[in-house]
Amino acid sequence: MVDDGRVVVVIVLLVVVVVGGNRVVVVVVVIVVVVAALNLVLDFDFIEQGAERGAPKYMEWYGAFGLLVTLIWLYLEMLRLLSKLQERR
């Protein structure tokens, strides 16, 4: 199931990219990068809590997959930010 917050972020990004200027897009991408970075904290907390509580072995995959998705998301957003900053020059 898709998180409602992420759907809202994607919709806002699409509207800003279509309607907004370059400066607005950079601000929105910076906000998304911050959200992705904060999501790393949630992923590490999930992994740490699972280890402390003795979660079953299969839960390691959930933690690893969530961490991997967040890292890829953060990487792509950082590339988008660098791309937008390069366009401004």
PDB file of N, CA and C in Angstrom:
ATOM      1  N   MET A   1       0.848  -1.179   0.000  1.00  0.00           N
ATOM      2  CA  MET A   1       0.000   0.000   0.000  1.00  0.00           C
ATOM      3  C   MET A   1       0.891   1.239   0.000  1.00  0.00           C
ATOM      4  N   VAL A   2       0.526   2.229  -0.783  1.00  0.00           N
ATOM      5  CA  VAL A   2       1.312   3.446  -0.926  1.00  0.00           C
ATOM      6  C   VAL A   2       0.974   4.412   0.202  1.00  0.00           C
ATOM      7  N   ASP A   3       2.015   5.021   0.755  1.00  0.00           N
ATOM      8  CA  ASP A   3       1.839   5.997   1.820  1.00  0.00           C
ATOM      9  C   ASP A   3       1.179   7.250   1.247  1.00  0.00           C
ATOM     10  N   ASP A   4       0.138   7.762   1.914  1.00  0.00           N
ATOM     11  CA  ASP A   4      -0.588   8.930   1.433  1.00  0.00           C
ATOM     12  C   ASP A   4       0.310  10.162   1.361  1.00  0.00           C
ATOM     13  N   GLY A   5       1.244  10.280   2.291  1.00  0.00           N
ATOM     14  CA  GLY A   5       2.154  11.426   2.286  1.00  0.00           C
ATOM     15  C   GLY A   5       3.034  11.451   1.052  1.00  0.00           C
ATOM     16  N   ARG A   6       3.484  10.302   0.623  1.00  0.00           N
ATOM     17  CA  ARG A   6       4.325  10.237  -0.575  1.00  0.00           C
ATOM     18  C   ARG A   6       3.520  10.561  -1.823  1.00  0.00           C
ATOM     19  N   VAL A   7       2.272  10.164  -1.861  1.00  0.00           N
ATOM     20  CA  VAL A   7       1.418  10.487  -3.008  1.00  0.00           C
ATOM     21  C   VAL A   7       1.231  11.994  -3.103  1.00  0.00           C
ATOM     22  N   VAL A   8       1.007  12.646  -1.979  1.00  0.00           N
ATOM     23  CA  VAL A   8       0.839  14.094  -1.963  1.00  0.00           C
ATOM     24  C   VAL A   8       2.118  14.781  -2.435  1.00  0.00           C
ATOM     25  N   VAL A   9       3.267  14.294  -1.979  1.00  0.00           N
ATOM     26  CA  VAL A   9       4.544  14.879  -2.402  1.00  0.00           C
ATOM     27  C   VAL A   9       4.722  14.752  -3.904  1.00  0.00           C
ATOM     28  N   VAL A  10       4.406  13.604  -4.462  1.00  0.00           N
ATOM     29  CA  VAL A  10       4.545  13.400  -5.904  1.00  0.00           C
ATOM     30  C   VAL A  10       3.613  14.324  -6.672  1.00  0.00           C
ATOM     31  N   ILE A  11       2.378  14.471  -6.215  1.00  0.00           N
ATOM     32  CA  ILE A  11       1.427  15.353  -6.890  1.00  0.00           C
ATOM     33  C   ILE A  11       1.903  16.798  -6.826  1.00  0.00           C
ATOM     34  N   VAL A  12       2.375  17.238  -5.675  1.00  0.00           N
ATOM     35  CA  VAL A  12       2.883  18.607  -5.540  1.00  0.00           C
ATOM     36  C   VAL A  12       4.081  18.818  -6.455  1.00  0.00           C
ATOM     37  N   LEU A  13       4.975  17.838  -6.507  1.00  0.00           N
ATOM     38  CA  LEU A  13       6.135  17.949  -7.395  1.00  0.00           C
ATOM     39  C   LEU A  13       5.723  18.081  -8.850  1.00  0.00           C
ATOM     40  N   LEU A  14       4.759  17.281  -9.277  1.00  0.00           N
ATOM     41  CA  LEU A  14       4.311  17.355 -10.665  1.00  0.00           C
ATOM     42  C   LEU A  14       3.695  18.713 -10.972  1.00  0.00           C
ATOM     43  N   VAL A  15       2.885  19.240 -10.066  1.00  0.00           N
ATOM     44  CA  VAL A  15       2.267  20.548 -10.283  1.00  0.00           C
ATOM     45  C   VAL A  15       3.333  21.635 -10.339  1.00  0.00           C
ATOM     46  N   VAL A  16       4.298  21.577  -9.435  1.00  0.00           N
ATOM     47  CA  VAL A  16       5.345  22.599  -9.400  1.00  0.00           C
ATOM     48  C   VAL A  16       6.202  22.545 -10.654  1.00  0.00           C
ATOM     49  N   VAL A  17       6.535  21.346 -11.103  1.00  0.00           N
ATOM     50  CA  VAL A  17       7.369  21.215 -12.298  1.00  0.00           C
ATOM     51  C   VAL A  17       6.636  21.738 -13.525  1.00  0.00           C
ATOM     52  N   VAL A  18       5.345  21.473 -13.624  1.00  0.00           N
ATOM     53  CA  VAL A  18       4.580  21.913 -14.793  1.00  0.00           C
ATOM     54  C   VAL A  18       4.308  23.415 -14.736  1.00  0.00           C
ATOM     55  N   VAL A  19       3.931  23.946 -13.568  1.00  0.00           N
ATOM     56  CA  VAL A  19       3.493  25.331 -13.454  1.00  0.00           C
ATOM     57  C   VAL A  19       4.610  26.253 -12.974  1.00  0.00           C
ATOM     58  N   GLY A  20       5.364  25.814 -11.986  1.00  0.00           N
ATOM     59  CA  GLY A  20       6.297  26.688 -11.297  1.00  0.00           C
ATOM     60  C   GLY A  20       7.552  27.017 -12.076  1.00  0.00           C
ATOM     61  N   GLY A  21       8.243  28.037 -11.594  1.00  0.00           N
ATOM     62  CA  GLY A  21       9.510  28.430 -12.179  1.00  0.00           C
ATOM     63  C   GLY A  21      10.642  27.594 -11.630  1.00  0.00           C
ATOM     64  N   ASN A  22      11.827  27.875 -12.090  1.00  0.00           N
ATOM     65  CA  ASN A  22      12.984  27.079 -11.711  1.00  0.00           C
ATOM     66  C   ASN A  22      13.317  27.229 -10.231  1.00  0.00           C
ATOM     67  N   ARG A  23      13.171  28.425  -9.686  1.00  0.00           N
ATOM     68  CA  ARG A  23      13.496  28.653  -8.278  1.00  0.00           C
ATOM     69  C   ARG A  23      12.554  27.863  -7.362  1.00  0.00           C
ATOM     70  N   VAL A  24      11.287  27.818  -7.707  1.00  0.00           N
ATOM     71  CA  VAL A  24      10.311  27.073  -6.912  1.00  0.00           C
ATOM     72  C   VAL A  24      10.616  25.580  -6.966  1.00  0.00           C
ATOM     73  N   VAL A  25      11.004  25.102  -8.128  1.00  0.00           N
ATOM     74  CA  VAL A  25      11.335  23.681  -8.276  1.00  0.00           C
ATOM     75  C   VAL A  25      12.525  23.323  -7.395  1.00  0.00           C
ATOM     76  N   VAL A  26      13.530  24.181  -7.347  1.00  0.00           N
ATOM     77  CA  VAL A  26      14.706  23.917  -6.513  1.00  0.00           C
ATOM     78  C   VAL A  26      14.313  23.853  -5.046  1.00  0.00           C
ATOM     79  N   VAL A  27      13.451  24.751  -4.606  1.00  0.00           N
ATOM     80  CA  VAL A  27      13.012  24.747  -3.204  1.00  0.00           C
ATOM     81  C   VAL A  27      12.257  23.457  -2.887  1.00  0.00           C
ATOM     82  N   VAL A  28      11.376  23.056  -3.781  1.00  0.00           N
ATOM     83  CA  VAL A  28      10.607  21.836  -3.543  1.00  0.00           C
ATOM     84  C   VAL A  28      11.520  20.621  -3.533  1.00  0.00           C
ATOM     85  N   VAL A  29      12.492  20.570  -4.436  1.00  0.00           N
ATOM     86  CA  VAL A  29      13.407  19.432  -4.466  1.00  0.00           C
ATOM     87  C   VAL A  29      14.255  19.391  -3.199  1.00  0.00           C
ATOM     88  N   VAL A  30      14.658  20.542  -2.686  1.00  0.00           N
ATOM     89  CA  VAL A  30      15.405  20.574  -1.421  1.00  0.00           C
ATOM     90  C   VAL A  30      14.539  20.023  -0.289  1.00  0.00           C
ATOM     91  N   ILE A  31      13.275  20.377  -0.268  1.00  0.00           N
ATOM     92  CA  ILE A  31      12.369  19.849   0.764  1.00  0.00           C
ATOM     93  C   ILE A  31      12.249  18.330   0.642  1.00  0.00           C
ATOM     94  N   VAL A  32      12.147  17.834  -0.585  1.00  0.00           N
ATOM     95  CA  VAL A  32      12.039  16.389  -0.787  1.00  0.00           C
ATOM     96  C   VAL A  32      13.328  15.686  -0.365  1.00  0.00           C
ATOM     97  N   VAL A  33      14.473  16.295  -0.610  1.00  0.00           N
ATOM     98  CA  VAL A  33      15.746  15.709  -0.166  1.00  0.00           C
ATOM     99  C   VAL A  33      15.790  15.624   1.353  1.00  0.00           C
ATOM    100  N   VAL A  34      15.312  16.655   2.021  1.00  0.00           N
ATOM    101  CA  VAL A  34      15.281  16.637   3.493  1.00  0.00           C
ATOM    102  C   VAL A  34      14.344  15.533   3.986  1.00  0.00           C
ATOM    103  N   VAL A  35      13.189  15.391   3.350  1.00  0.00           N
ATOM    104  CA  VAL A  35      12.246  14.334   3.745  1.00  0.00           C
ATOM    105  C   VAL A  35      12.875  12.957   3.520  1.00  0.00           C
ATOM    106  N   ALA A  36      13.576  12.774   2.414  1.00  0.00           N
ATOM    107  CA  ALA A  36      14.226  11.489   2.144  1.00  0.00           C
ATOM    108  C   ALA A  36      15.319  11.213   3.175  1.00  0.00           C
ATOM    109  N   ALA A  37      16.069  12.240   3.544  1.00  0.00           N
ATOM    110  CA  ALA A  37      17.118  12.058   4.549  1.00  0.00           C
ATOM    111  C   ALA A  37      16.513  11.709   5.908  1.00  0.00           C
ATOM    112  N   LEU A  38      15.413  12.346   6.242  1.00  0.00           N
ATOM    113  CA  LEU A  38      14.750  12.018   7.509  1.00  0.00           C
ATOM    114  C   LEU A  38      14.153  10.612   7.481  1.00  0.00           C
ATOM    115  N   ASN A  39      13.788  10.152   6.304  1.00  0.00           N
ATOM    116  CA  ASN A  39      13.277   8.788   6.169  1.00  0.00           C
ATOM    117  C   ASN A  39      14.371   7.767   6.484  1.00  0.00           C
ATOM    118  N   LEU A  40      15.624   8.132   6.259  1.00  0.00           N
ATOM    119  CA  LEU A  40      16.734   7.253   6.654  1.00  0.00           C
ATOM    120  C   LEU A  40      16.725   7.012   8.161  1.00  0.00           C
ATOM    121  N   VAL A  41      16.428   8.062   8.916  1.00  0.00           N
ATOM    122  CA  VAL A  41      16.357   7.926  10.373  1.00  0.00           C
ATOM    123  C   VAL A  41      15.279   6.907  10.746  1.00  0.00           C
ATOM    124  N   LEU A  42      14.140   6.987  10.070  1.00  0.00           N
ATOM    125  CA  LEU A  42      13.063   6.029  10.349  1.00  0.00           C
ATOM    126  C   LEU A  42      13.478   4.602   9.994  1.00  0.00           C
ATOM    127  N   ASP A  43      14.183   4.445   8.881  1.00  0.00           N
ATOM    128  CA  ASP A  43      14.623   3.109   8.486  1.00  0.00           C
ATOM    129  C   ASP A  43      15.603   2.522   9.496  1.00  0.00           C
ATOM    130  N   PHE A  44      16.575   3.329   9.915  1.00  0.00           N
ATOM    131  CA  PHE A  44      17.540   2.832  10.891  1.00  0.00           C
ATOM    132  C   PHE A  44      16.872   2.542  12.230  1.00  0.00           C
ATOM    133  N   ASP A  45      15.885   3.348  12.601  1.00  0.00           N
ATOM    134  CA  ASP A  45      15.157   3.089  13.844  1.00  0.00           C
ATOM    135  C   ASP A  45      14.374   1.783  13.748  1.00  0.00           C
ATOM    136  N   PHE A  46      13.763   1.522  12.592  1.00  0.00           N
ATOM    137  CA  PHE A  46      13.039   0.275  12.385  1.00  0.00           C
ATOM    138  C   PHE A  46      13.976  -0.922  12.535  1.00  0.00           C
ATOM    139  N   ILE A  47      15.164  -0.822  11.944  1.00  0.00           N
ATOM    140  CA  ILE A  47      16.138  -1.912  12.030  1.00  0.00           C
ATOM    141  C   ILE A  47      16.618  -2.093  13.472  1.00  0.00           C
ATOM    142  N   GLU A  48      16.898  -0.981  14.128  1.00  0.00           N
ATOM    143  CA  GLU A  48      17.376  -1.050  15.514  1.00  0.00           C
ATOM    144  C   GLU A  48      16.321  -1.633  16.450  1.00  0.00           C
ATOM    145  N   GLN A  49      15.082  -1.206  16.309  1.00  0.00           N
ATOM    146  CA  GLN A  49      14.003  -1.720  17.150  1.00  0.00           C
ATOM    147  C   GLN A  49      13.790  -3.213  16.913  1.00  0.00           C
ATOM    148  N   GLY A  50      13.883  -3.621  15.654  1.00  0.00           N
ATOM    149  CA  GLY A  50      13.744  -5.045  15.346  1.00  0.00           C
ATOM    150  C   GLY A  50      14.833  -5.883  15.981  1.00  0.00           C
ATOM    151  N   ALA A  51      16.055  -5.364  15.969  1.00  0.00           N
ATOM    152  CA  ALA A  51      17.168  -6.096  16.582  1.00  0.00           C
ATOM    153  C   ALA A  51      17.010  -6.177  18.099  1.00  0.00           C
ATOM    154  N   GLU A  52      16.571  -5.075  18.714  1.00  0.00           N
ATOM    155  CA  GLU A  52      16.401  -5.056  20.167  1.00  0.00           C
ATOM    156  C   GLU A  52      15.280  -5.972  20.629  1.00  0.00           C
ATOM    157  N   ARG A  53      14.227  -6.057  19.843  1.00  0.00           N
ATOM    158  CA  ARG A  53      13.062  -6.848  20.234  1.00  0.00           C
ATOM    159  C   ARG A  53      13.125  -8.287  19.761  1.00  0.00           C
ATOM    160  N   GLY A  54      14.201  -8.650  19.091  1.00  0.00           N
ATOM    161  CA  GLY A  54      14.345 -10.029  18.635  1.00  0.00           C
ATOM    162  C   GLY A  54      13.370 -10.407  17.543  1.00  0.00           C
ATOM    163  N   ALA A  55      13.262  -9.547  16.546  1.00  0.00           N
ATOM    164  CA  ALA A  55      12.339  -9.797  15.434  1.00  0.00           C
ATOM    165  C   ALA A  55      12.761 -11.056  14.676  1.00  0.00           C
ATOM    166  N   PRO A  56      11.830 -11.717  14.023  1.00  0.00           N
ATOM    167  CA  PRO A  56      12.158 -12.917  13.251  1.00  0.00           C
ATOM    168  C   PRO A  56      13.160 -12.601  12.136  1.00  0.00           C
ATOM    169  N   LYS A  57      13.824 -13.634  11.678  1.00  0.00           N
ATOM    170  CA  LYS A  57      14.885 -13.499  10.681  1.00  0.00           C
ATOM    171  C   LYS A  57      14.378 -12.852   9.385  1.00  0.00           C
ATOM    172  N   TYR A  58      13.153 -13.153   8.954  1.00  0.00           N
ATOM    173  CA  TYR A  58      12.653 -12.609   7.690  1.00  0.00           C
ATOM    174  C   TYR A  58      12.463 -11.096   7.737  1.00  0.00           C
ATOM    175  N   MET A  59      12.354 -10.521   8.927  1.00  0.00           N
ATOM    176  CA  MET A  59      12.182  -9.078   9.049  1.00  0.00           C
ATOM    177  C   MET A  59      13.438  -8.304   8.656  1.00  0.00           C
ATOM    178  N   GLU A  60      14.594  -8.985   8.640  1.00  0.00           N
ATOM    179  CA  GLU A  60      15.823  -8.331   8.193  1.00  0.00           C
ATOM    180  C   GLU A  60      15.675  -7.841   6.756  1.00  0.00           C
ATOM    181  N   TRP A  61      14.971  -8.612   5.947  1.00  0.00           N
ATOM    182  CA  TRP A  61      14.780  -8.237   4.552  1.00  0.00           C
ATOM    183  C   TRP A  61      13.920  -6.987   4.429  1.00  0.00           C
ATOM    184  N   TYR A  62      12.912  -6.856   5.274  1.00  0.00           N
ATOM    185  CA  TYR A  62      12.082  -5.658   5.238  1.00  0.00           C
ATOM    186  C   TYR A  62      12.901  -4.414   5.571  1.00  0.00           C
ATOM    187  N   GLY A  63      13.731  -4.536   6.594  1.00  0.00           N
ATOM    188  CA  GLY A  63      14.582  -3.407   6.970  1.00  0.00           C
ATOM    189  C   GLY A  63      15.587  -3.065   5.886  1.00  0.00           C
ATOM    190  N   ALA A  64      16.216  -4.085   5.325  1.00  0.00           N
ATOM    191  CA  ALA A  64      17.219  -3.860   4.280  1.00  0.00           C
ATOM    192  C   ALA A  64      16.578  -3.278   3.022  1.00  0.00           C
ATOM    193  N   PHE A  65      15.408  -3.795   2.645  1.00  0.00           N
ATOM    194  CA  PHE A  65      14.741  -3.298   1.456  1.00  0.00           C
ATOM    195  C   PHE A  65      14.295  -1.850   1.644  1.00  0.00           C
ATOM    196  N   GLY A  66      13.736  -1.534   2.802  1.00  0.00           N
ATOM    197  CA  GLY A  66      13.328  -0.157   3.086  1.00  0.00           C
ATOM    198  C   GLY A  66      14.508   0.792   3.052  1.00  0.00           C
ATOM    199  N   LEU A  67      15.626   0.365   3.612  1.00  0.00           N
ATOM    200  CA  LEU A  67      16.829   1.185   3.603  1.00  0.00           C
ATOM    201  C   LEU A  67      17.341   1.390   2.178  1.00  0.00           C
ATOM    202  N   LEU A  68      17.331   0.344   1.384  1.00  0.00           N
ATOM    203  CA  LEU A  68      17.789   0.426   0.006  1.00  0.00           C
ATOM    204  C   LEU A  68      16.902   1.363  -0.818  1.00  0.00           C
ATOM    205  N   VAL A  69      15.601   1.244  -0.658  1.00  0.00           N
ATOM    206  CA  VAL A  69      14.678   2.119  -1.394  1.00  0.00           C
ATOM    207  C   VAL A  69      14.902   3.573  -0.996  1.00  0.00           C
ATOM    208  N   THR A  70      15.083   3.830   0.280  1.00  0.00           N
ATOM    209  CA  THR A  70      15.312   5.194   0.741  1.00  0.00           C
ATOM    210  C   THR A  70      16.620   5.748   0.199  1.00  0.00           C
ATOM    211  N   LEU A  71      17.669   4.949   0.182  1.00  0.00           N
ATOM    212  CA  LEU A  71      18.952   5.406  -0.344  1.00  0.00           C
ATOM    213  C   LEU A  71      18.861   5.726  -1.836  1.00  0.00           C
ATOM    214  N   ILE A  72      18.158   4.895  -2.583  1.00  0.00           N
ATOM    215  CA  ILE A  72      17.996   5.151  -4.014  1.00  0.00           C
ATOM    216  C   ILE A  72      17.163   6.410  -4.225  1.00  0.00           C
ATOM    217  N   TRP A  73      16.105   6.565  -3.454  1.00  0.00           N
ATOM    218  CA  TRP A  73      15.263   7.758  -3.544  1.00  0.00           C
ATOM    219  C   TRP A  73      16.081   9.013  -3.240  1.00  0.00           C
ATOM    220  N   LEU A  74      16.873   8.968  -2.173  1.00  0.00           N
ATOM    221  CA  LEU A  74      17.699  10.110  -1.797  1.00  0.00           C
ATOM    222  C   LEU A  74      18.717  10.417  -2.890  1.00  0.00           C
ATOM    223  N   TYR A  75      19.331   9.387  -3.459  1.00  0.00           N
ATOM    224  CA  TYR A  75      20.309   9.564  -4.527  1.00  0.00           C
ATOM    225  C   TYR A  75      19.673  10.231  -5.746  1.00  0.00           C
ATOM    226  N   LEU A  76      18.503   9.753  -6.155  1.00  0.00           N
ATOM    227  CA  LEU A  76      17.828  10.331  -7.316  1.00  0.00           C
ATOM    228  C   LEU A  76      17.414  11.782  -7.074  1.00  0.00           C
ATOM    229  N   GLU A  77      16.951  12.074  -5.871  1.00  0.00           N
ATOM    230  CA  GLU A  77      16.562  13.444  -5.566  1.00  0.00           C
ATOM    231  C   GLU A  77      17.770  14.370  -5.511  1.00  0.00           C
ATOM    232  N   MET A  78      18.888  13.879  -5.019  1.00  0.00           N
ATOM    233  CA  MET A  78      20.111  14.693  -5.008  1.00  0.00           C
ATOM    234  C   MET A  78      20.562  14.969  -6.440  1.00  0.00           C
ATOM    235  N   LEU A  79      20.470  13.955  -7.315  1.00  0.00           N
ATOM    236  CA  LEU A  79      20.814  14.171  -8.717  1.00  0.00           C
ATOM    237  C   LEU A  79      19.873  15.187  -9.360  1.00  0.00           C
ATOM    238  N   ARG A  80      18.587  15.117  -9.032  1.00  0.00           N
ATOM    239  CA  ARG A  80      17.627  16.081  -9.558  1.00  0.00           C
ATOM    240  C   ARG A  80      17.962  17.486  -9.076  1.00  0.00           C
ATOM    241  N   LEU A  81      18.339  17.611  -7.803  1.00  0.00           N
ATOM    242  CA  LEU A  81      18.706  18.915  -7.264  1.00  0.00           C
ATOM    243  C   LEU A  81      19.940  19.464  -7.971  1.00  0.00           C
ATOM    244  N   LEU A  82      20.949  18.637  -8.143  1.00  0.00           N
ATOM    245  CA  LEU A  82      22.151  19.088  -8.841  1.00  0.00           C
ATOM    246  C   LEU A  82      21.849  19.476 -10.281  1.00  0.00           C
ATOM    247  N   SER A  83      20.962  18.740 -10.905  1.00  0.00           N
ATOM    248  CA  SER A  83      20.561  19.054 -12.274  1.00  0.00           C
ATOM    249  C   SER A  83      19.870  20.411 -12.338  1.00  0.00           C
ATOM    250  N   LYS A  84      18.964  20.676 -11.423  1.00  0.00           N
ATOM    251  CA  LYS A  84      18.251  21.950 -11.406  1.00  0.00           C
ATOM    252  C   LYS A  84      19.194  23.110 -11.084  1.00  0.00           C
ATOM    253  N   LEU A  85      20.152  22.887 -10.198  1.00  0.00           N
ATOM    254  CA  LEU A  85      21.114  23.926  -9.888  1.00  0.00           C
ATOM    255  C   LEU A  85      22.014  24.209 -11.081  1.00  0.00           C
ATOM    256  N   GLN A  86      22.357  23.178 -11.830  1.00  0.00           N
ATOM    257  CA  GLN A  86      23.183  23.341 -13.020  1.00  0.00           C
ATOM    258  C   GLN A  86      22.424  24.116 -14.106  1.00  0.00           C
ATOM    259  N   GLU A  87      21.121  23.887 -14.230  1.00  0.00           N
ATOM    260  CA  GLU A  87      20.311  24.590 -15.222  1.00  0.00           C
ATOM    261  C   GLU A  87      20.242  26.088 -14.935  1.00  0.00           C
ATOM    262  N   ARG A  88      20.333  26.452 -13.681  1.00  0.00           N
ATOM    263  CA  ARG A  88      20.238  27.876 -13.316  1.00  0.00           C
ATOM    264  C   ARG A  88      21.445  28.666 -13.768  1.00  0.00           C
ATOM    265  N   ARG A  89      22.567  28.003 -14.018  1.00  0.00           N
ATOM    266  CA  ARG A  89      23.789  28.722 -14.421  1.00  0.00           C
ATOM    267  C   ARG A  89      23.773  29.113 -15.842  1.00  0.00           C
TER     268      ARG A  89
END
